[in-house]
Amino acid sequence: METITISVTDREGASHSLEGLAGWRVMEVIRDHGLPIKAECGGACACATCHVYVDDDWADKLIPASDEEINMLDLAFDVEPNSRLSCQILLDESLDGLHVTLAPDGN
């Protein structure tokens, strides 16, 4: 499988270069590398605790958010136009270099 590298800015402003495999969810990559993301529902689009901001250069390269994801983002804190649930972003070779920033966790 092809390795995909993503860049993640954590809540303290530090940047992390993380590797995952094509077909993985961005949430899984972030979680598996130990960054602080709750992802309470495990990727079922049922909690909004994996909320991220997608860098503007990448927003148009993603599959548009589903109605289910949009409805779930209504429950998230600090939603912006570039907000997405990282469990709904599947990696493929077109997303190599994707940059996201962890949204505030609402606490």
PDB file of N, CA and C in Angstrom:
ATOM      1  N   MET A   1       0.842  -1.197   0.000  1.00  0.00           N
ATOM      2  CA  MET A   1       0.000   0.000   0.000  1.00  0.00           C
ATOM      3  C   MET A   1       0.878   1.248   0.000  1.00  0.00           C
ATOM      4  N   GLU A   2       0.326   2.283  -0.570  1.00  0.00           N
ATOM      5  CA  GLU A   2       1.060   3.531  -0.687  1.00  0.00           C
ATOM      6  C   GLU A   2       1.021   4.316   0.624  1.00  0.00           C
ATOM      7  N   THR A   3       2.189   4.849   1.020  1.00  0.00           N
ATOM      8  CA  THR A   3       2.283   5.687   2.206  1.00  0.00           C
ATOM      9  C   THR A   3       1.931   7.119   1.834  1.00  0.00           C
ATOM     10  N   ILE A   4       1.079   7.725   2.640  1.00  0.00           N
ATOM     11  CA  ILE A   4       0.646   9.104   2.455  1.00  0.00           C
ATOM     12  C   ILE A   4       1.146   9.900   3.659  1.00  0.00           C
ATOM     13  N   THR A   5       1.739  11.071   3.403  1.00  0.00           N
ATOM     14  CA  THR A   5       2.204  11.932   4.487  1.00  0.00           C
ATOM     15  C   THR A   5       1.253  13.109   4.625  1.00  0.00           C
ATOM     16  N   ILE A   6       0.838  13.364   5.860  1.00  0.00           N
ATOM     17  CA  ILE A   6       0.009  14.538   6.141  1.00  0.00           C
ATOM     18  C   ILE A   6       0.715  15.393   7.181  1.00  0.00           C
ATOM     19  N   SER A   7       0.383  16.665   7.187  1.00  0.00           N
ATOM     20  CA  SER A   7       0.923  17.602   8.166  1.00  0.00           C
ATOM     21  C   SER A   7      -0.210  18.008   9.092  1.00  0.00           C
ATOM     22  N   VAL A   8       0.038  17.900  10.390  1.00  0.00           N
ATOM     23  CA  VAL A   8      -0.987  18.230  11.382  1.00  0.00           C
ATOM     24  C   VAL A   8      -0.424  19.248  12.352  1.00  0.00           C
ATOM     25  N   THR A   9      -1.135  20.351  12.522  1.00  0.00           N
ATOM     26  CA  THR A   9      -0.772  21.348  13.527  1.00  0.00           C
ATOM     27  C   THR A   9      -1.612  21.066  14.758  1.00  0.00           C
ATOM     28  N   ASP A  10      -0.929  20.864  15.901  1.00  0.00           N
ATOM     29  CA  ASP A  10      -1.663  20.561  17.123  1.00  0.00           C
ATOM     30  C   ASP A  10      -2.207  21.837  17.759  1.00  0.00           C
ATOM     31  N   ARG A  11      -2.874  21.700  18.883  1.00  0.00           N
ATOM     32  CA  ARG A  11      -3.528  22.844  19.529  1.00  0.00           C
ATOM     33  C   ARG A  11      -2.539  23.835  20.142  1.00  0.00           C
ATOM     34  N   GLU A  12      -1.284  23.442  20.271  1.00  0.00           N
ATOM     35  CA  GLU A  12      -0.255  24.353  20.783  1.00  0.00           C
ATOM     36  C   GLU A  12       0.502  25.038  19.649  1.00  0.00           C
ATOM     37  N   GLY A  13       0.162  24.696  18.394  1.00  0.00           N
ATOM     38  CA  GLY A  13       0.796  25.323  17.245  1.00  0.00           C
ATOM     39  C   GLY A  13       1.984  24.563  16.674  1.00  0.00           C
ATOM     40  N   ALA A  14       2.329  23.404  17.245  1.00  0.00           N
ATOM     41  CA  ALA A  14       3.436  22.597  16.730  1.00  0.00           C
ATOM     42  C   ALA A  14       2.973  21.802  15.516  1.00  0.00           C
ATOM     43  N   SER A  15       3.847  21.693  14.537  1.00  0.00           N
ATOM     44  CA  SER A  15       3.541  20.956  13.318  1.00  0.00           C
ATOM     45  C   SER A  15       4.133  19.558  13.391  1.00  0.00           C
ATOM     46  N   HIS A  16       3.362  18.580  12.919  1.00  0.00           N
ATOM     47  CA  HIS A  16       3.782  17.183  12.935  1.00  0.00           C
ATOM     48  C   HIS A  16       3.602  16.594  11.538  1.00  0.00           C
ATOM     49  N   SER A  17       4.620  15.907  11.053  1.00  0.00           N
ATOM     50  CA  SER A  17       4.532  15.196   9.793  1.00  0.00           C
ATOM     51  C   SER A  17       4.219  13.739  10.124  1.00  0.00           C
ATOM     52  N   LEU A  18       3.055  13.263   9.672  1.00  0.00           N
ATOM     53  CA  LEU A  18       2.588  11.925  10.017  1.00  0.00           C
ATOM     54  C   LEU A  18       2.386  11.089   8.766  1.00  0.00           C
ATOM     55  N   GLU A  19       2.674   9.806   8.872  1.00  0.00           N
ATOM     56  CA  GLU A  19       2.486   8.906   7.746  1.00  0.00           C
ATOM     57  C   GLU A  19       1.329   7.951   8.010  1.00  0.00           C
ATOM     58  N   GLY A  20       0.565   7.714   6.969  1.00  0.00           N
ATOM     59  CA  GLY A  20      -0.520   6.741   7.012  1.00  0.00           C
ATOM     60  C   GLY A  20      -0.584   6.030   5.681  1.00  0.00           C
ATOM     61  N   LEU A  21      -1.505   5.130   5.554  1.00  0.00           N
ATOM     62  CA  LEU A  21      -1.660   4.368   4.322  1.00  0.00           C
ATOM     63  C   LEU A  21      -2.901   4.810   3.572  1.00  0.00           C
ATOM     64  N   ALA A  22      -2.842   4.699   2.266  1.00  0.00           N
ATOM     65  CA  ALA A  22      -4.016   4.979   1.449  1.00  0.00           C
ATOM     66  C   ALA A  22      -5.172   4.130   1.983  1.00  0.00           C
ATOM     67  N   GLY A  23      -6.342   4.755   2.111  1.00  0.00           N
ATOM     68  CA  GLY A  23      -7.513   4.072   2.643  1.00  0.00           C
ATOM     69  C   GLY A  23      -7.756   4.339   4.115  1.00  0.00           C
ATOM     70  N   TRP A  24      -6.730   4.810   4.828  1.00  0.00           N
ATOM     71  CA  TRP A  24      -6.913   5.165   6.229  1.00  0.00           C
ATOM     72  C   TRP A  24      -7.660   6.488   6.324  1.00  0.00           C
ATOM     73  N   ARG A  25      -8.318   6.684   7.443  1.00  0.00           N
ATOM     74  CA  ARG A  25      -8.970   7.958   7.739  1.00  0.00           C
ATOM     75  C   ARG A  25      -7.945   8.888   8.393  1.00  0.00           C
ATOM     76  N   VAL A  26      -8.038  10.177   8.119  1.00  0.00           N
ATOM     77  CA  VAL A  26      -7.118  11.139   8.734  1.00  0.00           C
ATOM     78  C   VAL A  26      -7.178  11.010  10.252  1.00  0.00           C
ATOM     79  N   MET A  27      -8.355  10.794  10.805  1.00  0.00           N
ATOM     80  CA  MET A  27      -8.508  10.622  12.247  1.00  0.00           C
ATOM     81  C   MET A  27      -7.647   9.481  12.762  1.00  0.00           C
ATOM     82  N   GLU A  28      -7.607   8.362  12.037  1.00  0.00           N
ATOM     83  CA  GLU A  28      -6.820   7.205  12.460  1.00  0.00           C
ATOM     84  C   GLU A  28      -5.331   7.525  12.479  1.00  0.00           C
ATOM     85  N   VAL A  29      -4.881   8.257  11.495  1.00  0.00           N
ATOM     86  CA  VAL A  29      -3.465   8.632  11.435  1.00  0.00           C
ATOM     87  C   VAL A  29      -3.114   9.513  12.624  1.00  0.00           C
ATOM     88  N   ILE A  30      -3.933  10.515  12.889  1.00  0.00           N
ATOM     89  CA  ILE A  30      -3.686  11.428  14.006  1.00  0.00           C
ATOM     90  C   ILE A  30      -3.686  10.661  15.330  1.00  0.00           C
ATOM     91  N   ARG A  31      -4.692   9.863  15.535  1.00  0.00           N
ATOM     92  CA  ARG A  31      -4.824   9.081  16.780  1.00  0.00           C
ATOM     93  C   ARG A  31      -3.669   8.099  16.945  1.00  0.00           C
ATOM     94  N   ASP A  32      -3.351   7.362  15.887  1.00  0.00           N
ATOM     95  CA  ASP A  32      -2.326   6.330  15.979  1.00  0.00           C
ATOM     96  C   ASP A  32      -0.927   6.898  16.199  1.00  0.00           C
ATOM     97  N   HIS A  33      -0.724   8.175  15.875  1.00  0.00           N
ATOM     98  CA  HIS A  33       0.563   8.820  16.141  1.00  0.00           C
ATOM     99  C   HIS A  33       0.577   9.511  17.500  1.00  0.00           C
ATOM    100  N   GLY A  34      -0.493   9.371  18.261  1.00  0.00           N
ATOM    101  CA  GLY A  34      -0.507   9.850  19.638  1.00  0.00           C
ATOM    102  C   GLY A  34      -0.859  11.308  19.841  1.00  0.00           C
ATOM    103  N   LEU A  35      -1.340  11.976  18.811  1.00  0.00           N
ATOM    104  CA  LEU A  35      -1.758  13.365  19.012  1.00  0.00           C
ATOM    105  C   LEU A  35      -3.106  13.375  19.722  1.00  0.00           C
ATOM    106  N   PRO A  36      -3.388  14.448  20.464  1.00  0.00           N
ATOM    107  CA  PRO A  36      -4.603  14.478  21.295  1.00  0.00           C
ATOM    108  C   PRO A  36      -5.885  14.741  20.498  1.00  0.00           C
ATOM    109  N   ILE A  37      -6.466  13.675  20.004  1.00  0.00           N
ATOM    110  CA  ILE A  37      -7.752  13.767  19.314  1.00  0.00           C
ATOM    111  C   ILE A  37      -8.659  12.718  19.961  1.00  0.00           C
ATOM    112  N   LYS A  38      -9.847  13.124  20.359  1.00  0.00           N
ATOM    113  CA  LYS A  38     -10.726  12.204  21.092  1.00  0.00           C
ATOM    114  C   LYS A  38     -11.289  11.109  20.203  1.00  0.00           C
ATOM    115  N   ALA A  39     -11.919  11.480  19.105  1.00  0.00           N
ATOM    116  CA  ALA A  39     -12.494  10.505  18.179  1.00  0.00           C
ATOM    117  C   ALA A  39     -13.311   9.455  18.927  1.00  0.00           C
ATOM    118  N   GLU A  40     -14.217   9.918  19.760  1.00  0.00           N
ATOM    119  CA  GLU A  40     -14.969   9.047  20.657  1.00  0.00           C
ATOM    120  C   GLU A  40     -15.799   7.978  19.948  1.00  0.00           C
ATOM    121  N   CYS A  41     -16.299   8.278  18.756  1.00  0.00           N
ATOM    122  CA  CYS A  41     -17.149   7.290  18.070  1.00  0.00           C
ATOM    123  C   CYS A  41     -16.337   6.339  17.198  1.00  0.00           C
ATOM    124  N   GLY A  42     -15.043   6.543  17.117  1.00  0.00           N
ATOM    125  CA  GLY A  42     -14.192   5.642  16.358  1.00  0.00           C
ATOM    126  C   GLY A  42     -14.310   5.755  14.854  1.00  0.00           C
ATOM    127  N   GLY A  43     -14.894   6.824  14.367  1.00  0.00           N
ATOM    128  CA  GLY A  43     -14.983   7.028  12.924  1.00  0.00           C
ATOM    129  C   GLY A  43     -16.363   6.829  12.339  1.00  0.00           C
ATOM    130  N   ALA A  44     -17.383   6.779  13.178  1.00  0.00           N
ATOM    131  CA  ALA A  44     -18.748   6.530  12.710  1.00  0.00           C
ATOM    132  C   ALA A  44     -19.516   7.806  12.361  1.00  0.00           C
ATOM    133  N   CYS A  45     -18.853   8.953  12.401  1.00  0.00           N
ATOM    134  CA  CYS A  45     -19.501  10.243  12.113  1.00  0.00           C
ATOM    135  C   CYS A  45     -20.666  10.475  13.073  1.00  0.00           C
ATOM    136  N   ALA A  46     -20.395  10.190  14.371  1.00  0.00           N
ATOM    137  CA  ALA A  46     -21.466  10.288  15.362  1.00  0.00           C
ATOM    138  C   ALA A  46     -21.106  11.123  16.582  1.00  0.00           C
ATOM    139  N   CYS A  47     -20.003  11.916  16.518  1.00  0.00           N
ATOM    140  CA  CYS A  47     -19.661  12.655  17.731  1.00  0.00           C
ATOM    141  C   CYS A  47     -19.003  14.019  17.514  1.00  0.00           C
ATOM    142  N   ALA A  48     -18.345  14.270  16.423  1.00  0.00           N
ATOM    143  CA  ALA A  48     -17.659  15.541  16.115  1.00  0.00           C
ATOM    144  C   ALA A  48     -16.423  15.799  16.968  1.00  0.00           C
ATOM    145  N   THR A  49     -15.899  14.785  17.678  1.00  0.00           N
ATOM    146  CA  THR A  49     -14.713  15.000  18.511  1.00  0.00           C
ATOM    147  C   THR A  49     -13.403  14.828  17.734  1.00  0.00           C
ATOM    148  N   CYS A  50     -13.496  14.653  16.421  1.00  0.00           N
ATOM    149  CA  CYS A  50     -12.296  14.591  15.581  1.00  0.00           C
ATOM    150  C   CYS A  50     -12.247  15.791  14.638  1.00  0.00           C
ATOM    151  N   HIS A  51     -12.877  16.860  15.037  1.00  0.00           N
ATOM    152  CA  HIS A  51     -12.988  18.096  14.258  1.00  0.00           C
ATOM    153  C   HIS A  51     -11.607  18.676  13.955  1.00  0.00           C
ATOM    154  N   VAL A  52     -11.379  18.995  12.687  1.00  0.00           N
ATOM    155  CA  VAL A  52     -10.142  19.639  12.251  1.00  0.00           C
ATOM    156  C   VAL A  52     -10.477  20.775  11.292  1.00  0.00           C
ATOM    157  N   TYR A  53      -9.497  21.642  11.094  1.00  0.00           N
ATOM    158  CA  TYR A  53      -9.575  22.681  10.074  1.00  0.00           C
ATOM    159  C   TYR A  53      -8.661  22.266   8.933  1.00  0.00           C
ATOM    160  N   VAL A  54      -9.196  22.224   7.733  1.00  0.00           N
ATOM    161  CA  VAL A  54      -8.418  21.852   6.557  1.00  0.00           C
ATOM    162  C   VAL A  54      -7.801  23.115   5.966  1.00  0.00           C
ATOM    163  N   ASP A  55      -6.508  23.053   5.691  1.00  0.00           N
ATOM    164  CA  ASP A  55      -5.816  24.183   5.083  1.00  0.00           C
ATOM    165  C   ASP A  55      -6.528  24.578   3.784  1.00  0.00           C
ATOM    166  N   ASP A  56      -6.642  25.878   3.558  1.00  0.00           N
ATOM    167  CA  ASP A  56      -7.372  26.378   2.391  1.00  0.00           C
ATOM    168  C   ASP A  56      -6.864  25.806   1.071  1.00  0.00           C
ATOM    169  N   ASP A  57      -5.575  25.530   0.974  1.00  0.00           N
ATOM    170  CA  ASP A  57      -5.011  24.976  -0.260  1.00  0.00           C
ATOM    171  C   ASP A  57      -5.519  23.567  -0.549  1.00  0.00           C
ATOM    172  N   TRP A  58      -6.080  22.902   0.440  1.00  0.00           N
ATOM    173  CA  TRP A  58      -6.518  21.513   0.303  1.00  0.00           C
ATOM    174  C   TRP A  58      -8.031  21.350   0.273  1.00  0.00           C
ATOM    175  N   ALA A  59      -8.764  22.345   0.684  1.00  0.00           N
ATOM    176  CA  ALA A  59     -10.218  22.211   0.837  1.00  0.00           C
ATOM    177  C   ALA A  59     -10.905  21.725  -0.444  1.00  0.00           C
ATOM    178  N   ASP A  60     -10.511  22.237  -1.592  1.00  0.00           N
ATOM    179  CA  ASP A  60     -11.156  21.863  -2.848  1.00  0.00           C
ATOM    180  C   ASP A  60     -10.744  20.483  -3.343  1.00  0.00           C
ATOM    181  N   LYS A  61      -9.729  19.891  -2.734  1.00  0.00           N
ATOM    182  CA  LYS A  61      -9.255  18.574  -3.157  1.00  0.00           C
ATOM    183  C   LYS A  61      -9.971  17.438  -2.421  1.00  0.00           C
ATOM    184  N   LEU A  62     -10.744  17.791  -1.412  1.00  0.00           N
ATOM    185  CA  LEU A  62     -11.466  16.784  -0.636  1.00  0.00           C
ATOM    186  C   LEU A  62     -12.839  16.514  -1.243  1.00  0.00           C
ATOM    187  N   ILE A  63     -13.326  15.306  -1.031  1.00  0.00           N
ATOM    188  CA  ILE A  63     -14.709  15.004  -1.373  1.00  0.00           C
ATOM    189  C   ILE A  63     -15.581  15.889  -0.484  1.00  0.00           C
ATOM    190  N   PRO A  64     -16.600  16.536  -1.020  1.00  0.00           N
ATOM    191  CA  PRO A  64     -17.439  17.411  -0.196  1.00  0.00           C
ATOM    192  C   PRO A  64     -18.042  16.668   1.002  1.00  0.00           C
ATOM    193  N   ALA A  65     -18.263  17.411   2.071  1.00  0.00           N
ATOM    194  CA  ALA A  65     -18.865  16.834   3.276  1.00  0.00           C
ATOM    195  C   ALA A  65     -20.274  16.344   2.967  1.00  0.00           C
ATOM    196  N   SER A  66     -20.602  15.195   3.531  1.00  0.00           N
ATOM    197  CA  SER A  66     -21.955  14.642   3.383  1.00  0.00           C
ATOM    198  C   SER A  66     -22.910  15.423   4.286  1.00  0.00           C
ATOM    199  N   ASP A  67     -24.203  15.239   4.058  1.00  0.00           N
ATOM    200  CA  ASP A  67     -25.203  15.870   4.931  1.00  0.00           C
ATOM    201  C   ASP A  67     -25.011  15.399   6.367  1.00  0.00           C
ATOM    202  N   GLU A  68     -24.688  14.116   6.542  1.00  0.00           N
ATOM    203  CA  GLU A  68     -24.460  13.565   7.875  1.00  0.00           C
ATOM    204  C   GLU A  68     -23.296  14.281   8.582  1.00  0.00           C
ATOM    205  N   GLU A  69     -22.203  14.503   7.838  1.00  0.00           N
ATOM    206  CA  GLU A  69     -21.059  15.201   8.425  1.00  0.00           C
ATOM    207  C   GLU A  69     -21.413  16.649   8.750  1.00  0.00           C
ATOM    208  N   ILE A  70     -22.103  17.320   7.863  1.00  0.00           N
ATOM    209  CA  ILE A  70     -22.506  18.711   8.096  1.00  0.00           C
ATOM    210  C   ILE A  70     -23.385  18.806   9.336  1.00  0.00           C
ATOM    211  N   ASN A  71     -24.327  17.882   9.483  1.00  0.00           N
ATOM    212  CA  ASN A  71     -25.201  17.875  10.661  1.00  0.00           C
ATOM    213  C   ASN A  71     -24.399  17.639  11.939  1.00  0.00           C
ATOM    214  N   MET A  72     -23.402  16.776  11.872  1.00  0.00           N
ATOM    215  CA  MET A  72     -22.578  16.496  13.053  1.00  0.00           C
ATOM    216  C   MET A  72     -21.701  17.700  13.398  1.00  0.00           C
ATOM    217  N   LEU A  73     -21.220  18.410  12.395  1.00  0.00           N
ATOM    218  CA  LEU A  73     -20.414  19.610  12.660  1.00  0.00           C
ATOM    219  C   LEU A  73     -21.231  20.679  13.379  1.00  0.00           C
ATOM    220  N   ASP A  74     -22.553  20.642  13.233  1.00  0.00           N
ATOM    221  CA  ASP A  74     -23.416  21.581  13.964  1.00  0.00           C
ATOM    222  C   ASP A  74     -23.258  21.410  15.474  1.00  0.00           C
ATOM    223  N   LEU A  75     -22.779  20.253  15.915  1.00  0.00           N
ATOM    224  CA  LEU A  75     -22.581  19.978  17.337  1.00  0.00           C
ATOM    225  C   LEU A  75     -21.171  20.312  17.824  1.00  0.00           C
ATOM    226  N   ALA A  76     -20.286  20.644  16.891  1.00  0.00           N
ATOM    227  CA  ALA A  76     -18.892  20.920  17.244  1.00  0.00           C
ATOM    228  C   ALA A  76     -18.723  22.362  17.714  1.00  0.00           C
ATOM    229  N   PHE A  77     -17.615  22.613  18.408  1.00  0.00           N
ATOM    230  CA  PHE A  77     -17.265  23.955  18.863  1.00  0.00           C
ATOM    231  C   PHE A  77     -16.392  24.637  17.813  1.00  0.00           C
ATOM    232  N   ASP A  78     -16.480  25.950  17.734  1.00  0.00           N
ATOM    233  CA  ASP A  78     -15.586  26.764  16.897  1.00  0.00           C
ATOM    234  C   ASP A  78     -15.554  26.307  15.438  1.00  0.00           C
ATOM    235  N   VAL A  79     -16.717  26.045  14.876  1.00  0.00           N
ATOM    236  CA  VAL A  79     -16.799  25.608  13.479  1.00  0.00           C
ATOM    237  C   VAL A  79     -16.480  26.785  12.553  1.00  0.00           C
ATOM    238  N   GLU A  80     -15.673  26.512  11.555  1.00  0.00           N
ATOM    239  CA  GLU A  80     -15.269  27.489  10.547  1.00  0.00           C
ATOM    240  C   GLU A  80     -15.645  26.950   9.173  1.00  0.00           C
ATOM    241  N   PRO A  81     -15.582  27.784   8.133  1.00  0.00           N
ATOM    242  CA  PRO A  81     -15.900  27.287   6.791  1.00  0.00           C
ATOM    243  C   PRO A  81     -15.030  26.104   6.339  1.00  0.00           C
ATOM    244  N   ASN A  82     -13.825  25.998   6.874  1.00  0.00           N
ATOM    245  CA  ASN A  82     -12.913  24.916   6.501  1.00  0.00           C
ATOM    246  C   ASN A  82     -12.942  23.750   7.499  1.00  0.00           C
ATOM    247  N   SER A  83     -13.965  23.690   8.332  1.00  0.00           N
ATOM    248  CA  SER A  83     -14.099  22.603   9.307  1.00  0.00           C
ATOM    249  C   SER A  83     -14.505  21.311   8.623  1.00  0.00           C
ATOM    250  N   ARG A  84     -13.901  20.220   9.079  1.00  0.00           N
ATOM    251  CA  ARG A  84     -14.269  18.881   8.629  1.00  0.00           C
ATOM    252  C   ARG A  84     -14.095  17.926   9.795  1.00  0.00           C
ATOM    253  N   LEU A  85     -14.752  16.779   9.709  1.00  0.00           N
ATOM    254  CA  LEU A  85     -14.511  15.700  10.659  1.00  0.00           C
ATOM    255  C   LEU A  85     -13.419  14.830  10.050  1.00  0.00           C
ATOM    256  N   SER A  86     -12.327  14.654  10.776  1.00  0.00           N
ATOM    257  CA  SER A  86     -11.193  13.925  10.212  1.00  0.00           C
ATOM    258  C   SER A  86     -11.510  12.454   9.976  1.00  0.00           C
ATOM    259  N   CYS A  87     -12.557  11.941  10.613  1.00  0.00           N
ATOM    260  CA  CYS A  87     -12.960  10.549  10.361  1.00  0.00           C
ATOM    261  C   CYS A  87     -13.614  10.389   9.000  1.00  0.00           C
ATOM    262  N   GLN A  88     -13.967  11.486   8.362  1.00  0.00           N
ATOM    263  CA  GLN A  88     -14.645  11.428   7.074  1.00  0.00           C
ATOM    264  C   GLN A  88     -13.720  11.745   5.901  1.00  0.00           C
ATOM    265  N   ILE A  89     -12.431  11.916   6.195  1.00  0.00           N
ATOM    266  CA  ILE A  89     -11.454  12.182   5.139  1.00  0.00           C
ATOM    267  C   ILE A  89     -10.614  10.927   4.949  1.00  0.00           C
ATOM    268  N   LEU A  90     -10.822  10.247   3.819  1.00  0.00           N
ATOM    269  CA  LEU A  90     -10.074   9.034   3.504  1.00  0.00           C
ATOM    270  C   LEU A  90      -8.842   9.410   2.688  1.00  0.00           C
ATOM    271  N   LEU A  91      -7.702   8.894   3.117  1.00  0.00           N
ATOM    272  CA  LEU A  91      -6.459   9.197   2.419  1.00  0.00           C
ATOM    273  C   LEU A  91      -6.353   8.442   1.105  1.00  0.00           C
ATOM    274  N   ASP A  92      -5.851   9.142   0.107  1.00  0.00           N
ATOM    275  CA  ASP A  92      -5.418   8.527  -1.140  1.00  0.00           C
ATOM    276  C   ASP A  92      -4.245   9.361  -1.648  1.00  0.00           C
ATOM    277  N   GLU A  93      -3.650   8.916  -2.739  1.00  0.00           N
ATOM    278  CA  GLU A  93      -2.434   9.566  -3.213  1.00  0.00           C
ATOM    279  C   GLU A  93      -2.642  11.039  -3.539  1.00  0.00           C
ATOM    280  N   SER A  94      -3.849  11.458  -3.860  1.00  0.00           N
ATOM    281  CA  SER A  94      -4.105  12.869  -4.164  1.00  0.00           C
ATOM    282  C   SER A  94      -4.019  13.753  -2.920  1.00  0.00           C
ATOM    283  N   LEU A  95      -4.044  13.145  -1.727  1.00  0.00           N
ATOM    284  CA  LEU A  95      -3.984  13.917  -0.482  1.00  0.00           C
ATOM    285  C   LEU A  95      -2.606  13.874   0.173  1.00  0.00           C
ATOM    286  N   ASP A  96      -1.604  13.352  -0.536  1.00  0.00           N
ATOM    287  CA  ASP A  96      -0.244  13.352   0.003  1.00  0.00           C
ATOM    288  C   ASP A  96       0.184  14.803   0.225  1.00  0.00           C
ATOM    289  N   GLY A  97       0.522  15.148   1.464  1.00  0.00           N
ATOM    290  CA  GLY A  97       0.883  16.520   1.818  1.00  0.00           C
ATOM    291  C   GLY A  97      -0.247  17.309   2.457  1.00  0.00           C
ATOM    292  N   LEU A  98      -1.427  16.708   2.584  1.00  0.00           N
ATOM    293  CA  LEU A  98      -2.576  17.377   3.208  1.00  0.00           C
ATOM    294  C   LEU A  98      -2.167  18.017   4.528  1.00  0.00           C
ATOM    295  N   HIS A  99      -2.673  19.228   4.778  1.00  0.00           N
ATOM    296  CA  HIS A  99      -2.411  19.909   6.042  1.00  0.00           C
ATOM    297  C   HIS A  99      -3.724  20.204   6.747  1.00  0.00           C
ATOM    298  N   VAL A 100      -3.812  19.764   8.015  1.00  0.00           N
ATOM    299  CA  VAL A 100      -4.965  20.054   8.853  1.00  0.00           C
ATOM    300  C   VAL A 100      -4.482  20.578  10.206  1.00  0.00           C
ATOM    301  N   THR A 101      -5.368  21.272  10.887  1.00  0.00           N
ATOM    302  CA  THR A 101      -5.095  21.785  12.228  1.00  0.00           C
ATOM    303  C   THR A 101      -6.167  21.259  13.161  1.00  0.00           C
ATOM    304  N   LEU A 102      -5.752  20.741  14.313  1.00  0.00           N
ATOM    305  CA  LEU A 102      -6.720  20.256  15.295  1.00  0.00           C
ATOM    306  C   LEU A 102      -7.554  21.419  15.810  1.00  0.00           C
ATOM    307  N   ALA A 103      -8.857  21.261  15.806  1.00  0.00           N
ATOM    308  CA  ALA A 103      -9.752  22.275  16.338  1.00  0.00           C
ATOM    309  C   ALA A 103      -9.732  22.209  17.861  1.00  0.00           C
ATOM    310  N   PRO A 104     -10.129  23.303  18.548  1.00  0.00           N
ATOM    311  CA  PRO A 104     -10.228  23.249  19.999  1.00  0.00           C
ATOM    312  C   PRO A 104     -11.124  22.097  20.425  1.00  0.00           C
ATOM    313  N   ASP A 105     -10.820  21.487  21.565  1.00  0.00           N
ATOM    314  CA  ASP A 105     -11.581  20.310  21.976  1.00  0.00           C
ATOM    315  C   ASP A 105     -12.851  20.628  22.751  1.00  0.00           C
ATOM    316  N   GLY A 106     -13.161  21.894  22.953  1.00  0.00           N
ATOM    317  CA  GLY A 106     -14.413  22.266  23.581  1.00  0.00           C
ATOM    318  C   GLY A 106     -14.413  22.236  25.092  1.00  0.00           C
ATOM    319  N   ASN A 107     -13.282  21.924  25.706  1.00  0.00           N
ATOM    320  CA  ASN A 107     -13.228  21.893  27.184  1.00  0.00           C
ATOM    321  C   ASN A 107     -12.880  23.239  27.734  1.00  0.00           C
TER     322      ASN A 107
END
